[in-house]
Amino acid sequence: MPIIRKVTTVGAARGITLPKSWIECIERETGRKLEEVMLEVDQVLTVSPVLRRKKDAEHE
């Protein structure tokens, strides 16, 4: 089911917020902290979590 989110102004940009419960759900299911999302823009805007391997995150 689609969820409607408002587009807000963030400084000179525009953005959307994600519900805290969505982030917590992804973190709980994966055991990893969500720090980035990937945006795919076409006729549809798709927001996907970027879940780095723990080893990759340690090297940053």
C-alpha atoms as a PDB file:
ATOM      1  CA  MET A   1       0.000   0.000   0.000  1.00  0.00           C
ATOM      2  CA  PRO A   2       1.469   3.403  -0.948  1.00  0.00           C
ATOM      3  CA  ILE A   3       2.250   5.849   1.834  1.00  0.00           C
ATOM      4  CA  ILE A   4       2.100   9.573   1.053  1.00  0.00           C
ATOM      5  CA  ARG A   5       4.950  11.688   2.489  1.00  0.00           C
ATOM      6  CA  LYS A   6       5.240  15.482   2.234  1.00  0.00           C
ATOM      7  CA  VAL A   7       8.160  17.101   0.413  1.00  0.00           C
ATOM      8  CA  THR A   8       9.837  19.639   2.712  1.00  0.00           C
ATOM      9  CA  THR A   9      12.496  22.306   2.294  1.00  0.00           C
ATOM     10  CA  VAL A  10      15.884  21.431   3.818  1.00  0.00           C
ATOM     11  CA  GLY A  11      18.222  24.404   3.398  1.00  0.00           C
ATOM     12  CA  ALA A  12      18.515  25.006  -0.355  1.00  0.00           C
ATOM     13  CA  ALA A  13      17.265  21.481  -1.150  1.00  0.00           C
ATOM     14  CA  ARG A  14      14.014  19.579  -0.833  1.00  0.00           C
ATOM     15  CA  GLY A  15      13.585  16.267   0.908  1.00  0.00           C
ATOM     16  CA  ILE A  16      11.297  13.710   2.466  1.00  0.00           C
ATOM     17  CA  THR A  17      11.455  12.163   5.893  1.00  0.00           C
ATOM     18  CA  LEU A  18      11.194   8.466   6.622  1.00  0.00           C
ATOM     19  CA  PRO A  19       9.330   7.224   9.683  1.00  0.00           C
ATOM     20  CA  LYS A  20      11.643   6.192  12.510  1.00  0.00           C
ATOM     21  CA  SER A  21       9.816   2.852  12.714  1.00  0.00           C
ATOM     22  CA  TRP A  22      10.810   2.023   9.090  1.00  0.00           C
ATOM     23  CA  ILE A  23      14.486   2.642   9.866  1.00  0.00           C
ATOM     24  CA  GLU A  24      14.299   0.658  13.103  1.00  0.00           C
ATOM     25  CA  CYS A  25      12.606  -2.239  11.286  1.00  0.00           C
ATOM     26  CA  ILE A  26      15.372  -2.428   8.650  1.00  0.00           C
ATOM     27  CA  GLU A  27      18.067  -2.209  11.338  1.00  0.00           C
ATOM     28  CA  ARG A  28      16.381  -4.904  13.442  1.00  0.00           C
ATOM     29  CA  GLU A  29      15.968  -7.254  10.459  1.00  0.00           C
ATOM     30  CA  THR A  30      19.534  -6.805   9.177  1.00  0.00           C
ATOM     31  CA  GLY A  31      21.445  -6.215  12.409  1.00  0.00           C
ATOM     32  CA  ARG A  32      23.128  -3.201  10.775  1.00  0.00           C
ATOM     33  CA  LYS A  33      22.807   0.544  11.279  1.00  0.00           C
ATOM     34  CA  LEU A  34      21.218   2.303   8.312  1.00  0.00           C
ATOM     35  CA  GLU A  35      23.263   5.390   7.435  1.00  0.00           C
ATOM     36  CA  GLU A  36      22.609   5.800   3.699  1.00  0.00           C
ATOM     37  CA  VAL A  37      19.833   5.307   1.178  1.00  0.00           C
ATOM     38  CA  MET A  38      20.031   4.964  -2.591  1.00  0.00           C
ATOM     39  CA  LEU A  39      17.671   6.953  -4.803  1.00  0.00           C
ATOM     40  CA  GLU A  40      16.626   5.747  -8.242  1.00  0.00           C
ATOM     41  CA  VAL A  41      14.856   8.395 -10.298  1.00  0.00           C
ATOM     42  CA  ASP A  42      12.825   7.536 -13.379  1.00  0.00           C
ATOM     43  CA  GLN A  43       9.067   7.774 -13.759  1.00  0.00           C
ATOM     44  CA  VAL A  44       9.063   6.502 -10.161  1.00  0.00           C
ATOM     45  CA  LEU A  45      11.258   7.612  -7.260  1.00  0.00           C
ATOM     46  CA  THR A  46      12.592   4.540  -5.461  1.00  0.00           C
ATOM     47  CA  VAL A  47      14.323   4.793  -2.066  1.00  0.00           C
ATOM     48  CA  SER A  48      16.348   1.716  -1.060  1.00  0.00           C
ATOM     49  CA  PRO A  49      18.528   1.089   2.000  1.00  0.00           C
ATOM     50  CA  VAL A  50      22.282   0.876   1.455  1.00  0.00           C
ATOM     51  CA  LEU A  51      23.476  -1.855   3.782  1.00  0.00           C
ATOM     52  CA  ARG A  52      27.227  -2.116   3.776  1.00  0.00           C
ATOM     53  CA  ARG A  53      28.937  -5.241   4.951  1.00  0.00           C
ATOM     54  CA  LYS A  54      30.289  -4.818   8.470  1.00  0.00           C
ATOM     55  CA  LYS A  55      33.834  -5.276   7.156  1.00  0.00           C
ATOM     56  CA  ASP A  56      33.386  -2.408   4.643  1.00  0.00           C
ATOM     57  CA  ALA A  57      31.973  -0.110   7.320  1.00  0.00           C
ATOM     58  CA  GLU A  58      34.979  -0.709   9.602  1.00  0.00           C
ATOM     59  CA  HIS A  59      37.428   0.506   6.933  1.00  0.00           C
ATOM     60  CA  GLU A  60      35.767   3.920   6.554  1.00  0.00           C
END
